[in-house]
Amino acid sequence: QVPLVESGGGLVQAGGSLRLSCAASGRTFSSYAMGWFRQAPGKEREFVSAISRSATITKYADSVKDRFTISRGNAKNTVYLQMNSLRPEDTAVYYCAADSGPVGVSAGAYESWGQGTQVTVSS
């Protein structure tokens, strides 16, 4: 497992932007596919976006496609989620996760999780 720490959440008005970061500890960051998930109150955790080890493959939930962009900097052991055109329905706790297997959309495949960062979008 790899320790993960998210940052960058906050309160933003609808239409605004936020950039989430997830920093990993250790020397094996580039060995992991990375994903972002979110969980709103009273709802199940859902997939948001994922990126392969070499950043050649990215995946997005339909609800965030064309608004969110995932990227990673292996030299900095960090994965990012740029969120634009935010909507109130994007309000949730956002979690990053690491998967030693192929990049995927299933939360059950991810082995390490951060503590989450709150994103609140006001209307």
PDB file of N, CA and C in Angstrom:
ATOM      1  N   GLN A   1       0.834  -1.196   0.000  1.00  0.00           N
ATOM      2  CA  GLN A   1       0.000   0.000   0.000  1.00  0.00           C
ATOM      3  C   GLN A   1       0.865   1.240   0.000  1.00  0.00           C
ATOM      4  N   VAL A   2       0.271   2.344  -0.442  1.00  0.00           N
ATOM      5  CA  VAL A   2       0.992   3.613  -0.512  1.00  0.00           C
ATOM      6  C   VAL A   2       0.190   4.686   0.197  1.00  0.00           C
ATOM      7  N   PRO A   3       0.795   5.415   1.116  1.00  0.00           N
ATOM      8  CA  PRO A   3       0.085   6.508   1.797  1.00  0.00           C
ATOM      9  C   PRO A   3      -0.258   7.617   0.814  1.00  0.00           C
ATOM     10  N   LEU A   4      -1.490   8.121   0.906  1.00  0.00           N
ATOM     11  CA  LEU A   4      -1.980   9.157   0.002  1.00  0.00           C
ATOM     12  C   LEU A   4      -2.595  10.290   0.813  1.00  0.00           C
ATOM     13  N   VAL A   5      -2.330  11.514   0.397  1.00  0.00           N
ATOM     14  CA  VAL A   5      -2.885  12.681   1.071  1.00  0.00           C
ATOM     15  C   VAL A   5      -3.444  13.643   0.027  1.00  0.00           C
ATOM     16  N   GLU A   6      -4.755  13.892   0.110  1.00  0.00           N
ATOM     17  CA  GLU A   6      -5.406  14.808  -0.818  1.00  0.00           C
ATOM     18  C   GLU A   6      -5.380  16.233  -0.263  1.00  0.00           C
ATOM     19  N   SER A   7      -5.444  17.195  -1.164  1.00  0.00           N
ATOM     20  CA  SER A   7      -5.560  18.595  -0.790  1.00  0.00           C
ATOM     21  C   SER A   7      -6.227  19.344  -1.927  1.00  0.00           C
ATOM     22  N   GLY A   8      -6.636  20.576  -1.640  1.00  0.00           N
ATOM     23  CA  GLY A   8      -7.170  21.424  -2.695  1.00  0.00           C
ATOM     24  C   GLY A   8      -8.674  21.588  -2.690  1.00  0.00           C
ATOM     25  N   GLY A   9      -9.352  20.877  -1.802  1.00  0.00           N
ATOM     26  CA  GLY A   9     -10.797  21.036  -1.735  1.00  0.00           C
ATOM     27  C   GLY A   9     -11.177  22.383  -1.150  1.00  0.00           C
ATOM     28  N   GLY A  10     -12.484  22.689  -1.203  1.00  0.00           N
ATOM     29  CA  GLY A  10     -12.950  23.940  -0.649  1.00  0.00           C
ATOM     30  C   GLY A  10     -14.346  24.273  -1.114  1.00  0.00           C
ATOM     31  N   LEU A  11     -14.721  25.506  -0.880  1.00  0.00           N
ATOM     32  CA  LEU A  11     -16.040  26.011  -1.262  1.00  0.00           C
ATOM     33  C   LEU A  11     -15.889  26.888  -2.494  1.00  0.00           C
ATOM     34  N   VAL A  12     -16.698  26.632  -3.500  1.00  0.00           N
ATOM     35  CA  VAL A  12     -16.625  27.393  -4.734  1.00  0.00           C
ATOM     36  C   VAL A  12     -18.037  27.586  -5.271  1.00  0.00           C
ATOM     37  N   GLN A  13     -18.238  28.670  -5.984  1.00  0.00           N
ATOM     38  CA  GLN A  13     -19.539  28.907  -6.598  1.00  0.00           C
ATOM     39  C   GLN A  13     -19.688  28.070  -7.865  1.00  0.00           C
ATOM     40  N   ALA A  14     -20.920  27.800  -8.212  1.00  0.00           N
ATOM     41  CA  ALA A  14     -21.191  27.078  -9.455  1.00  0.00           C
ATOM     42  C   ALA A  14     -20.536  27.806 -10.631  1.00  0.00           C
ATOM     43  N   GLY A  15     -19.932  27.023 -11.503  1.00  0.00           N
ATOM     44  CA  GLY A  15     -19.206  27.579 -12.629  1.00  0.00           C
ATOM     45  C   GLY A  15     -17.733  27.805 -12.358  1.00  0.00           C
ATOM     46  N   GLY A  16     -17.343  27.698 -11.097  1.00  0.00           N
ATOM     47  CA  GLY A  16     -15.953  27.918 -10.728  1.00  0.00           C
ATOM     48  C   GLY A  16     -15.088  26.692 -10.933  1.00  0.00           C
ATOM     49  N   SER A  17     -13.840  26.811 -10.491  1.00  0.00           N
ATOM     50  CA  SER A  17     -12.857  25.748 -10.686  1.00  0.00           C
ATOM     51  C   SER A  17     -12.117  25.464  -9.395  1.00  0.00           C
ATOM     52  N   LEU A  18     -11.659  24.239  -9.282  1.00  0.00           N
ATOM     53  CA  LEU A  18     -10.774  23.817  -8.206  1.00  0.00           C
ATOM     54  C   LEU A  18      -9.782  22.814  -8.780  1.00  0.00           C
ATOM     55  N   ARG A  19      -8.622  22.749  -8.159  1.00  0.00           N
ATOM     56  CA  ARG A  19      -7.635  21.748  -8.542  1.00  0.00           C
ATOM     57  C   ARG A  19      -7.284  20.921  -7.321  1.00  0.00           C
ATOM     58  N   LEU A  20      -7.604  19.657  -7.371  1.00  0.00           N
ATOM     59  CA  LEU A  20      -7.257  18.745  -6.296  1.00  0.00           C
ATOM     60  C   LEU A  20      -5.887  18.124  -6.562  1.00  0.00           C
ATOM     61  N   SER A  21      -5.166  17.905  -5.491  1.00  0.00           N
ATOM     62  CA  SER A  21      -3.882  17.216  -5.578  1.00  0.00           C
ATOM     63  C   SER A  21      -3.892  16.026  -4.638  1.00  0.00           C
ATOM     64  N   CYS A  22      -3.150  15.024  -4.996  1.00  0.00           N
ATOM     65  CA  CYS A  22      -2.999  13.845  -4.151  1.00  0.00           C
ATOM     66  C   CYS A  22      -1.524  13.471  -4.163  1.00  0.00           C
ATOM     67  N   ALA A  23      -0.892  13.598  -3.013  1.00  0.00           N
ATOM     68  CA  ALA A  23       0.525  13.303  -2.889  1.00  0.00           C
ATOM     69  C   ALA A  23       0.727  11.914  -2.304  1.00  0.00           C
ATOM     70  N   ALA A  24       1.608  11.165  -2.919  1.00  0.00           N
ATOM     71  CA  ALA A  24       1.905   9.811  -2.456  1.00  0.00           C
ATOM     72  C   ALA A  24       3.294   9.759  -1.833  1.00  0.00           C
ATOM     73  N   SER A  25       3.421   8.908  -0.844  1.00  0.00           N
ATOM     74  CA  SER A  25       4.726   8.707  -0.218  1.00  0.00           C
ATOM     75  C   SER A  25       5.401   7.484  -0.820  1.00  0.00           C
ATOM     76  N   GLY A  26       6.719   7.466  -0.746  1.00  0.00           N
ATOM     77  CA  GLY A  26       7.447   6.297  -1.207  1.00  0.00           C
ATOM     78  C   GLY A  26       7.985   6.457  -2.606  1.00  0.00           C
ATOM     79  N   ARG A  27       8.661   5.416  -3.059  1.00  0.00           N
ATOM     80  CA  ARG A  27       9.374   5.483  -4.331  1.00  0.00           C
ATOM     81  C   ARG A  27       8.668   4.744  -5.452  1.00  0.00           C
ATOM     82  N   THR A  28       7.466   4.234  -5.180  1.00  0.00           N
ATOM     83  CA  THR A  28       6.828   3.360  -6.151  1.00  0.00           C
ATOM     84  C   THR A  28       5.607   3.989  -6.791  1.00  0.00           C
ATOM     85  N   PHE A  29       5.455   5.300  -6.715  1.00  0.00           N
ATOM     86  CA  PHE A  29       4.262   5.974  -7.230  1.00  0.00           C
ATOM     87  C   PHE A  29       4.015   5.630  -8.686  1.00  0.00           C
ATOM     88  N   SER A  30       5.063   5.595  -9.483  1.00  0.00           N
ATOM     89  CA  SER A  30       4.902   5.340 -10.914  1.00  0.00           C
ATOM     90  C   SER A  30       4.456   3.910 -11.211  1.00  0.00           C
ATOM     91  N   SER A  31       4.428   3.066 -10.194  1.00  0.00           N
ATOM     92  CA  SER A  31       3.970   1.683 -10.366  1.00  0.00           C
ATOM     93  C   SER A  31       2.463   1.535 -10.208  1.00  0.00           C
ATOM     94  N   TYR A  32       1.792   2.624  -9.874  1.00  0.00           N
ATOM     95  CA  TYR A  32       0.370   2.568  -9.575  1.00  0.00           C
ATOM     96  C   TYR A  32      -0.461   3.346 -10.587  1.00  0.00           C
ATOM     97  N   ALA A  33      -1.552   2.757 -11.000  1.00  0.00           N
ATOM     98  CA  ALA A  33      -2.607   3.532 -11.634  1.00  0.00           C
ATOM     99  C   ALA A  33      -3.305   4.308 -10.523  1.00  0.00           C
ATOM    100  N   MET A  34      -3.755   5.494 -10.843  1.00  0.00           N
ATOM    101  CA  MET A  34      -4.359   6.359  -9.835  1.00  0.00           C
ATOM    102  C   MET A  34      -5.786   6.717 -10.229  1.00  0.00           C
ATOM    103  N   GLY A  35      -6.618   6.831  -9.219  1.00  0.00           N
ATOM    104  CA  GLY A  35      -8.004   7.168  -9.492  1.00  0.00           C
ATOM    105  C   GLY A  35      -8.533   8.207  -8.522  1.00  0.00           C
ATOM    106  N   TRP A  36      -9.581   8.876  -8.952  1.00  0.00           N
ATOM    107  CA  TRP A  36     -10.336   9.790  -8.085  1.00  0.00           C
ATOM    108  C   TRP A  36     -11.768   9.252  -7.996  1.00  0.00           C
ATOM    109  N   PHE A  37     -12.269   9.247  -6.785  1.00  0.00           N
ATOM    110  CA  PHE A  37     -13.646   8.860  -6.509  1.00  0.00           C
ATOM    111  C   PHE A  37     -14.276   9.946  -5.649  1.00  0.00           C
ATOM    112  N   ARG A  38     -15.579   9.927  -5.559  1.00  0.00           N
ATOM    113  CA  ARG A  38     -16.248  10.900  -4.701  1.00  0.00           C
ATOM    114  C   ARG A  38     -17.464  10.259  -4.031  1.00  0.00           C
ATOM    115  N   GLN A  39     -17.807  10.827  -2.894  1.00  0.00           N
ATOM    116  CA  GLN A  39     -18.967  10.337  -2.168  1.00  0.00           C
ATOM    117  C   GLN A  39     -19.741  11.515  -1.599  1.00  0.00           C
ATOM    118  N   ALA A  40     -20.966  11.642  -2.044  1.00  0.00           N
ATOM    119  CA  ALA A  40     -21.859  12.678  -1.540  1.00  0.00           C
ATOM    120  C   ALA A  40     -22.655  12.119  -0.364  1.00  0.00           C
ATOM    121  N   PRO A  41     -23.170  12.985   0.498  1.00  0.00           N
ATOM    122  CA  PRO A  41     -23.945  12.513   1.650  1.00  0.00           C
ATOM    123  C   PRO A  41     -25.113  11.634   1.220  1.00  0.00           C
ATOM    124  N   GLY A  42     -25.218  10.484   1.851  1.00  0.00           N
ATOM    125  CA  GLY A  42     -26.321   9.587   1.560  1.00  0.00           C
ATOM    126  C   GLY A  42     -26.198   8.802   0.278  1.00  0.00           C
ATOM    127  N   LYS A  43     -25.046   8.944  -0.382  1.00  0.00           N
ATOM    128  CA  LYS A  43     -24.847   8.236  -1.653  1.00  0.00           C
ATOM    129  C   LYS A  43     -23.622   7.327  -1.568  1.00  0.00           C
ATOM    130  N   GLU A  44     -23.568   6.386  -2.496  1.00  0.00           N
ATOM    131  CA  GLU A  44     -22.422   5.493  -2.546  1.00  0.00           C
ATOM    132  C   GLU A  44     -21.228   6.209  -3.191  1.00  0.00           C
ATOM    133  N   ARG A  45     -20.048   5.692  -2.892  1.00  0.00           N
ATOM    134  CA  ARG A  45     -18.851   6.224  -3.516  1.00  0.00           C
ATOM    135  C   ARG A  45     -18.900   5.917  -5.013  1.00  0.00           C
ATOM    136  N   GLU A  46     -18.567   6.918  -5.828  1.00  0.00           N
ATOM    137  CA  GLU A  46     -18.624   6.729  -7.263  1.00  0.00           C
ATOM    138  C   GLU A  46     -17.319   7.120  -7.938  1.00  0.00           C
ATOM    139  N   PHE A  47     -17.077   6.470  -9.041  1.00  0.00           N
ATOM    140  CA  PHE A  47     -15.880   6.747  -9.832  1.00  0.00           C
ATOM    141  C   PHE A  47     -15.974   8.123 -10.477  1.00  0.00           C
ATOM    142  N   VAL A  48     -14.847   8.830 -10.497  1.00  0.00           N
ATOM    143  CA  VAL A  48     -14.761  10.128 -11.157  1.00  0.00           C
ATOM    144  C   VAL A  48     -13.791  10.065 -12.341  1.00  0.00           C
ATOM    145  N   SER A  49     -12.560   9.644 -12.069  1.00  0.00           N
ATOM    146  CA  SER A  49     -11.550   9.652 -13.117  1.00  0.00           C
ATOM    147  C   SER A  49     -10.388   8.758 -12.712  1.00  0.00           C
ATOM    148  N   ALA A  50      -9.629   8.301 -13.696  1.00  0.00           N
ATOM    149  CA  ALA A  50      -8.470   7.467 -13.422  1.00  0.00           C
ATOM    150  C   ALA A  50      -7.415   7.684 -14.496  1.00  0.00           C
ATOM    151  N   ILE A  51      -6.175   7.372 -14.136  1.00  0.00           N
ATOM    152  CA  ILE A  51      -5.057   7.565 -15.060  1.00  0.00           C
ATOM    153  C   ILE A  51      -4.085   6.411 -14.895  1.00  0.00           C
ATOM    154  N   SER A  52      -3.557   5.948 -16.011  1.00  0.00           N
ATOM    155  CA  SER A  52      -2.630   4.827 -15.979  1.00  0.00           C
ATOM    156  C   SER A  52      -1.257   5.265 -15.471  1.00  0.00           C
ATOM    157  N   ARG A  53      -0.394   4.275 -15.255  1.00  0.00           N
ATOM    158  CA  ARG A  53       0.937   4.548 -14.678  1.00  0.00           C
ATOM    159  C   ARG A  53       1.725   5.563 -15.498  1.00  0.00           C
ATOM    160  N   SER A  54       1.655   5.433 -16.796  1.00  0.00           N
ATOM    161  CA  SER A  54       2.447   6.309 -17.666  1.00  0.00           C
ATOM    162  C   SER A  54       1.628   7.467 -18.222  1.00  0.00           C
ATOM    163  N   ALA A  55       0.387   7.592 -17.720  1.00  0.00           N
ATOM    164  CA  ALA A  55      -0.507   8.683 -18.142  1.00  0.00           C
ATOM    165  C   ALA A  55      -0.961   8.570 -19.582  1.00  0.00           C
ATOM    166  N   THR A  56      -0.792   7.413 -20.185  1.00  0.00           N
ATOM    167  CA  THR A  56      -1.228   7.252 -21.576  1.00  0.00           C
ATOM    168  C   THR A  56      -2.712   6.939 -21.686  1.00  0.00           C
ATOM    169  N   ILE A  57      -3.309   6.477 -20.589  1.00  0.00           N
ATOM    170  CA  ILE A  57      -4.736   6.159 -20.583  1.00  0.00           C
ATOM    171  C   ILE A  57      -5.415   6.952 -19.469  1.00  0.00           C
ATOM    172  N   THR A  58      -6.493   7.621 -19.825  1.00  0.00           N
ATOM    173  CA  THR A  58      -7.307   8.306 -18.828  1.00  0.00           C
ATOM    174  C   THR A  58      -8.760   7.876 -19.004  1.00  0.00           C
ATOM    175  N   LYS A  59      -9.465   7.863 -17.899  1.00  0.00           N
ATOM    176  CA  LYS A  59     -10.877   7.481 -17.906  1.00  0.00           C
ATOM    177  C   LYS A  59     -11.661   8.514 -17.102  1.00  0.00           C
ATOM    178  N   TYR A  60     -12.897   8.762 -17.536  1.00  0.00           N
ATOM    179  CA  TYR A  60     -13.749   9.729 -16.874  1.00  0.00           C
ATOM    180  C   TYR A  60     -15.173   9.191 -16.770  1.00  0.00           C
ATOM    181  N   ALA A  61     -15.824   9.542 -15.673  1.00  0.00           N
ATOM    182  CA  ALA A  61     -17.252   9.306 -15.590  1.00  0.00           C
ATOM    183  C   ALA A  61     -17.957  10.242 -16.565  1.00  0.00           C
ATOM    184  N   ASP A  62     -19.059   9.810 -17.108  1.00  0.00           N
ATOM    185  CA  ASP A  62     -19.791  10.640 -18.062  1.00  0.00           C
ATOM    186  C   ASP A  62     -20.177  11.986 -17.451  1.00  0.00           C
ATOM    187  N   SER A  63     -20.451  11.986 -16.161  1.00  0.00           N
ATOM    188  CA  SER A  63     -20.924  13.208 -15.507  1.00  0.00           C
ATOM    189  C   SER A  63     -19.849  14.289 -15.414  1.00  0.00           C
ATOM    190  N   VAL A  64     -18.585  13.919 -15.577  1.00  0.00           N
ATOM    191  CA  VAL A  64     -17.508  14.906 -15.442  1.00  0.00           C
ATOM    192  C   VAL A  64     -16.718  15.083 -16.730  1.00  0.00           C
ATOM    193  N   LYS A  65     -17.007  14.266 -17.710  1.00  0.00           N
ATOM    194  CA  LYS A  65     -16.263  14.343 -18.973  1.00  0.00           C
ATOM    195  C   LYS A  65     -16.374  15.740 -19.559  1.00  0.00           C
ATOM    196  N   ASP A  66     -15.283  16.229 -20.081  1.00  0.00           N
ATOM    197  CA  ASP A  66     -15.175  17.566 -20.691  1.00  0.00           C
ATOM    198  C   ASP A  66     -15.167  18.687 -19.667  1.00  0.00           C
ATOM    199  N   ARG A  67     -15.274  18.374 -18.385  1.00  0.00           N
ATOM    200  CA  ARG A  67     -15.165  19.394 -17.341  1.00  0.00           C
ATOM    201  C   ARG A  67     -13.974  19.146 -16.433  1.00  0.00           C
ATOM    202  N   PHE A  68     -13.657  17.894 -16.187  1.00  0.00           N
ATOM    203  CA  PHE A  68     -12.556  17.528 -15.298  1.00  0.00           C
ATOM    204  C   PHE A  68     -11.399  16.972 -16.127  1.00  0.00           C
ATOM    205  N   THR A  69     -10.182  17.196 -15.624  1.00  0.00           N
ATOM    206  CA  THR A  69      -8.993  16.655 -16.273  1.00  0.00           C
ATOM    207  C   THR A  69      -8.073  16.057 -15.230  1.00  0.00           C
ATOM    208  N   ILE A  70      -7.713  14.808 -15.425  1.00  0.00           N
ATOM    209  CA  ILE A  70      -6.778  14.146 -14.528  1.00  0.00           C
ATOM    210  C   ILE A  70      -5.388  14.178 -15.136  1.00  0.00           C
ATOM    211  N   SER A  71      -4.395  14.336 -14.295  1.00  0.00           N
ATOM    212  CA  SER A  71      -3.011  14.303 -14.753  1.00  0.00           C
ATOM    213  C   SER A  71      -2.144  13.807 -13.600  1.00  0.00           C
ATOM    214  N   ARG A  72      -0.903  13.504 -13.909  1.00  0.00           N
ATOM    215  CA  ARG A  72       0.002  13.056 -12.860  1.00  0.00           C
ATOM    216  C   ARG A  72       1.409  13.525 -13.152  1.00  0.00           C
ATOM    217  N   GLY A  73       2.162  13.710 -12.092  1.00  0.00           N
ATOM    218  CA  GLY A  73       3.566  14.038 -12.191  1.00  0.00           C
ATOM    219  C   GLY A  73       4.343  13.004 -11.418  1.00  0.00           C
ATOM    220  N   ASN A  74       4.850  12.030 -12.117  1.00  0.00           N
ATOM    221  CA  ASN A  74       5.529  10.935 -11.412  1.00  0.00           C
ATOM    222  C   ASN A  74       6.789  11.405 -10.675  1.00  0.00           C
ATOM    223  N   ALA A  75       7.424  12.436 -11.188  1.00  0.00           N
ATOM    224  CA  ALA A  75       8.602  12.954 -10.501  1.00  0.00           C
ATOM    225  C   ALA A  75       8.240  13.600  -9.172  1.00  0.00           C
ATOM    226  N   LYS A  76       6.994  14.058  -9.068  1.00  0.00           N
ATOM    227  CA  LYS A  76       6.528  14.697  -7.832  1.00  0.00           C
ATOM    228  C   LYS A  76       5.629  13.789  -7.013  1.00  0.00           C
ATOM    229  N   ASN A  77       5.463  12.540  -7.488  1.00  0.00           N
ATOM    230  CA  ASN A  77       4.598  11.594  -6.766  1.00  0.00           C
ATOM    231  C   ASN A  77       3.210  12.172  -6.516  1.00  0.00           C
ATOM    232  N   THR A  78       2.663  12.859  -7.495  1.00  0.00           N
ATOM    233  CA  THR A  78       1.397  13.552  -7.299  1.00  0.00           C
ATOM    234  C   THR A  78       0.459  13.319  -8.485  1.00  0.00           C
ATOM    235  N   VAL A  79      -0.815  13.162  -8.166  1.00  0.00           N
ATOM    236  CA  VAL A  79      -1.859  13.109  -9.177  1.00  0.00           C
ATOM    237  C   VAL A  79      -2.790  14.287  -8.942  1.00  0.00           C
ATOM    238  N   TYR A  80      -3.292  14.847 -10.031  1.00  0.00           N
ATOM    239  CA  TYR A  80      -4.108  16.049  -9.960  1.00  0.00           C
ATOM    240  C   TYR A  80      -5.479  15.794 -10.579  1.00  0.00           C
ATOM    241  N   LEU A  81      -6.438  16.592 -10.128  1.00  0.00           N
ATOM    242  CA  LEU A  81      -7.755  16.597 -10.760  1.00  0.00           C
ATOM    243  C   LEU A  81      -8.169  18.057 -10.917  1.00  0.00           C
ATOM    244  N   GLN A  82      -8.087  18.542 -12.148  1.00  0.00           N
ATOM    245  CA  GLN A  82      -8.543  19.891 -12.452  1.00  0.00           C
ATOM    246  C   GLN A  82     -10.033  19.844 -12.722  1.00  0.00           C
ATOM    247  N   MET A  83     -10.789  20.595 -11.944  1.00  0.00           N
ATOM    248  CA  MET A  83     -12.241  20.574 -12.050  1.00  0.00           C
ATOM    249  C   MET A  83     -12.734  21.951 -12.476  1.00  0.00           C
ATOM    250  N   ASN A  84     -13.318  22.008 -13.635  1.00  0.00           N
ATOM    251  CA  ASN A  84     -13.854  23.259 -14.171  1.00  0.00           C
ATOM    252  C   ASN A  84     -15.369  23.167 -14.300  1.00  0.00           C
ATOM    253  N   SER A  85     -15.984  24.320 -14.459  1.00  0.00           N
ATOM    254  CA  SER A  85     -17.451  24.385 -14.641  1.00  0.00           C
ATOM    255  C   SER A  85     -18.163  23.564 -13.570  1.00  0.00           C
ATOM    256  N   LEU A  86     -17.773  23.780 -12.346  1.00  0.00           N
ATOM    257  CA  LEU A  86     -18.324  22.986 -11.250  1.00  0.00           C
ATOM    258  C   LEU A  86     -19.809  23.249 -11.059  1.00  0.00           C
ATOM    259  N   ARG A  87     -20.503  22.212 -10.649  1.00  0.00           N
ATOM    260  CA  ARG A  87     -21.953  22.255 -10.441  1.00  0.00           C
ATOM    261  C   ARG A  87     -22.272  21.858  -8.999  1.00  0.00           C
ATOM    262  N   PRO A  88     -23.394  22.263  -8.492  1.00  0.00           N
ATOM    263  CA  PRO A  88     -23.755  21.850  -7.121  1.00  0.00           C
ATOM    264  C   PRO A  88     -23.746  20.336  -6.948  1.00  0.00           C
ATOM    265  N   GLU A  89     -24.086  19.594  -7.982  1.00  0.00           N
ATOM    266  CA  GLU A  89     -24.095  18.137  -7.870  1.00  0.00           C
ATOM    267  C   GLU A  89     -22.697  17.527  -7.809  1.00  0.00           C
ATOM    268  N   ASP A  90     -21.669  18.342  -7.985  1.00  0.00           N
ATOM    269  CA  ASP A  90     -20.296  17.861  -7.796  1.00  0.00           C
ATOM    270  C   ASP A  90     -19.886  17.885  -6.329  1.00  0.00           C
ATOM    271  N   THR A  91     -20.736  18.440  -5.478  1.00  0.00           N
ATOM    272  CA  THR A  91     -20.429  18.500  -4.053  1.00  0.00           C
ATOM    273  C   THR A  91     -20.284  17.098  -3.485  1.00  0.00           C
ATOM    274  N   ALA A  92     -19.144  16.845  -2.847  1.00  0.00           N
ATOM    275  CA  ALA A  92     -18.844  15.517  -2.308  1.00  0.00           C
ATOM    276  C   ALA A  92     -17.490  15.562  -1.617  1.00  0.00           C
ATOM    277  N   VAL A  93     -17.192  14.488  -0.919  1.00  0.00           N
ATOM    278  CA  VAL A  93     -15.824  14.258  -0.466  1.00  0.00           C
ATOM    279  C   VAL A  93     -15.114  13.510  -1.584  1.00  0.00           C
ATOM    280  N   TYR A  94     -13.977  14.034  -1.991  1.00  0.00           N
ATOM    281  CA  TYR A  94     -13.206  13.446  -3.083  1.00  0.00           C
ATOM    282  C   TYR A  94     -12.020  12.675  -2.513  1.00  0.00           C
ATOM    283  N   TYR A  95     -11.876  11.441  -3.002  1.00  0.00           N
ATOM    284  CA  TYR A  95     -10.821  10.560  -2.548  1.00  0.00           C
ATOM    285  C   TYR A  95      -9.911  10.188  -3.719  1.00  0.00           C
ATOM    286  N   CYS A  96      -8.615  10.144  -3.464  1.00  0.00           N
ATOM    287  CA  CYS A  96      -7.745   9.543  -4.457  1.00  0.00           C
ATOM    288  C   CYS A  96      -7.383   8.138  -4.001  1.00  0.00           C
ATOM    289  N   ALA A  97      -7.037   7.314  -4.952  1.00  0.00           N
ATOM    290  CA  ALA A  97      -6.758   5.916  -4.674  1.00  0.00           C
ATOM    291  C   ALA A  97      -5.691   5.397  -5.620  1.00  0.00           C
ATOM    292  N   ALA A  98      -4.995   4.366  -5.183  1.00  0.00           N
ATOM    293  CA  ALA A  98      -3.910   3.768  -5.965  1.00  0.00           C
ATOM    294  C   ALA A  98      -4.195   2.305  -6.223  1.00  0.00           C
ATOM    295  N   ASP A  99      -3.896   1.872  -7.439  1.00  0.00           N
ATOM    296  CA  ASP A  99      -4.153   0.497  -7.866  1.00  0.00           C
ATOM    297  C   ASP A  99      -2.904  -0.047  -8.549  1.00  0.00           C
ATOM    298  N   SER A 100      -2.394  -1.162  -8.046  1.00  0.00           N
ATOM    299  CA  SER A 100      -1.197  -1.748  -8.651  1.00  0.00           C
ATOM    300  C   SER A 100      -1.516  -2.528  -9.922  1.00  0.00           C
ATOM    301  N   GLY A 101      -2.794  -2.689 -10.220  1.00  0.00           N
ATOM    302  CA  GLY A 101      -3.192  -3.375 -11.431  1.00  0.00           C
ATOM    303  C   GLY A 101      -3.467  -2.392 -12.551  1.00  0.00           C
ATOM    304  N   PRO A 102      -4.121  -2.845 -13.605  1.00  0.00           N
ATOM    305  CA  PRO A 102      -4.439  -1.953 -14.728  1.00  0.00           C
ATOM    306  C   PRO A 102      -5.396  -0.846 -14.307  1.00  0.00           C
ATOM    307  N   VAL A 103      -5.344   0.277 -14.988  1.00  0.00           N
ATOM    308  CA  VAL A 103      -6.226   1.385 -14.643  1.00  0.00           C
ATOM    309  C   VAL A 103      -7.672   0.955 -14.840  1.00  0.00           C
ATOM    310  N   GLY A 104      -8.505   1.273 -13.844  1.00  0.00           N
ATOM    311  CA  GLY A 104      -9.891   0.837 -13.908  1.00  0.00           C
ATOM    312  C   GLY A 104     -10.826   1.800 -13.218  1.00  0.00           C
ATOM    313  N   VAL A 105     -12.106   1.459 -13.224  1.00  0.00           N
ATOM    314  CA  VAL A 105     -13.138   2.336 -12.676  1.00  0.00           C
ATOM    315  C   VAL A 105     -13.797   1.758 -11.429  1.00  0.00           C
ATOM    316  N   SER A 106     -13.405   0.569 -11.036  1.00  0.00           N
ATOM    317  CA  SER A 106     -14.024  -0.087  -9.892  1.00  0.00           C
ATOM    318  C   SER A 106     -13.285   0.233  -8.609  1.00  0.00           C
ATOM    319  N   ALA A 107     -14.002   0.769  -7.621  1.00  0.00           N
ATOM    320  CA  ALA A 107     -13.366   1.121  -6.354  1.00  0.00           C
ATOM    321  C   ALA A 107     -12.741  -0.092  -5.677  1.00  0.00           C
ATOM    322  N   GLY A 108     -13.349  -1.253  -5.853  1.00  0.00           N
ATOM    323  CA  GLY A 108     -12.854  -2.454  -5.198  1.00  0.00           C
ATOM    324  C   GLY A 108     -11.470  -2.881  -5.644  1.00  0.00           C
ATOM    325  N   ALA A 109     -11.032  -2.404  -6.789  1.00  0.00           N
ATOM    326  CA  ALA A 109      -9.716  -2.774  -7.301  1.00  0.00           C
ATOM    327  C   ALA A 109      -8.594  -1.929  -6.710  1.00  0.00           C
ATOM    328  N   TYR A 110      -8.940  -0.827  -6.124  1.00  0.00           N
ATOM    329  CA  TYR A 110      -7.934   0.092  -5.598  1.00  0.00           C
ATOM    330  C   TYR A 110      -7.525  -0.319  -4.187  1.00  0.00           C
ATOM    331  N   GLU A 111      -6.236  -0.334  -3.942  1.00  0.00           N
ATOM    332  CA  GLU A 111      -5.699  -0.894  -2.715  1.00  0.00           C
ATOM    333  C   GLU A 111      -5.418   0.151  -1.642  1.00  0.00           C
ATOM    334  N   SER A 112      -5.128   1.355  -2.045  1.00  0.00           N
ATOM    335  CA  SER A 112      -4.780   2.396  -1.085  1.00  0.00           C
ATOM    336  C   SER A 112      -5.688   3.590  -1.312  1.00  0.00           C
ATOM    337  N   TRP A 113      -6.077   4.235  -0.203  1.00  0.00           N
ATOM    338  CA  TRP A 113      -6.999   5.365  -0.264  1.00  0.00           C
ATOM    339  C   TRP A 113      -6.494   6.499   0.620  1.00  0.00           C
ATOM    340  N   GLY A 114      -6.760   7.723   0.160  1.00  0.00           N
ATOM    341  CA  GLY A 114      -6.503   8.880   0.988  1.00  0.00           C
ATOM    342  C   GLY A 114      -7.667   9.132   1.937  1.00  0.00           C
ATOM    343  N   GLN A 115      -7.538  10.176   2.724  1.00  0.00           N
ATOM    344  CA  GLN A 115      -8.542  10.478   3.734  1.00  0.00           C
ATOM    345  C   GLN A 115      -9.694  11.307   3.172  1.00  0.00           C
ATOM    346  N   GLY A 116      -9.519  11.844   1.979  1.00  0.00           N
ATOM    347  CA  GLY A 116     -10.569  12.609   1.335  1.00  0.00           C
ATOM    348  C   GLY A 116     -10.439  14.102   1.557  1.00  0.00           C
ATOM    349  N   THR A 117     -10.972  14.866   0.619  1.00  0.00           N
ATOM    350  CA  THR A 117     -11.012  16.314   0.725  1.00  0.00           C
ATOM    351  C   THR A 117     -12.398  16.783   0.288  1.00  0.00           C
ATOM    352  N   GLN A 118     -12.970  17.698   1.047  1.00  0.00           N
ATOM    353  CA  GLN A 118     -14.342  18.131   0.803  1.00  0.00           C
ATOM    354  C   GLN A 118     -14.382  19.179  -0.308  1.00  0.00           C
ATOM    355  N   VAL A 119     -15.275  18.973  -1.248  1.00  0.00           N
ATOM    356  CA  VAL A 119     -15.559  19.952  -2.290  1.00  0.00           C
ATOM    357  C   VAL A 119     -17.033  20.336  -2.161  1.00  0.00           C
ATOM    358  N   THR A 120     -17.284  21.616  -2.011  1.00  0.00           N
ATOM    359  CA  THR A 120     -18.646  22.115  -1.894  1.00  0.00           C
ATOM    360  C   THR A 120     -18.876  23.178  -2.955  1.00  0.00           C
ATOM    361  N   VAL A 121     -19.895  22.965  -3.771  1.00  0.00           N
ATOM    362  CA  VAL A 121     -20.212  23.891  -4.848  1.00  0.00           C
ATOM    363  C   VAL A 121     -21.565  24.531  -4.534  1.00  0.00           C
ATOM    364  N   SER A 122     -21.557  25.832  -4.367  1.00  0.00           N
ATOM    365  CA  SER A 122     -22.794  26.541  -4.044  1.00  0.00           C
ATOM    366  C   SER A 122     -23.474  27.039  -5.309  1.00  0.00           C
ATOM    367  N   SER A 123     -24.779  27.081  -5.252  1.00  0.00           N
ATOM    368  CA  SER A 123     -25.548  27.507  -6.437  1.00  0.00           C
ATOM    369  C   SER A 123     -25.792  29.010  -6.433  1.00  0.00           C
TER     370      SER A 123
END
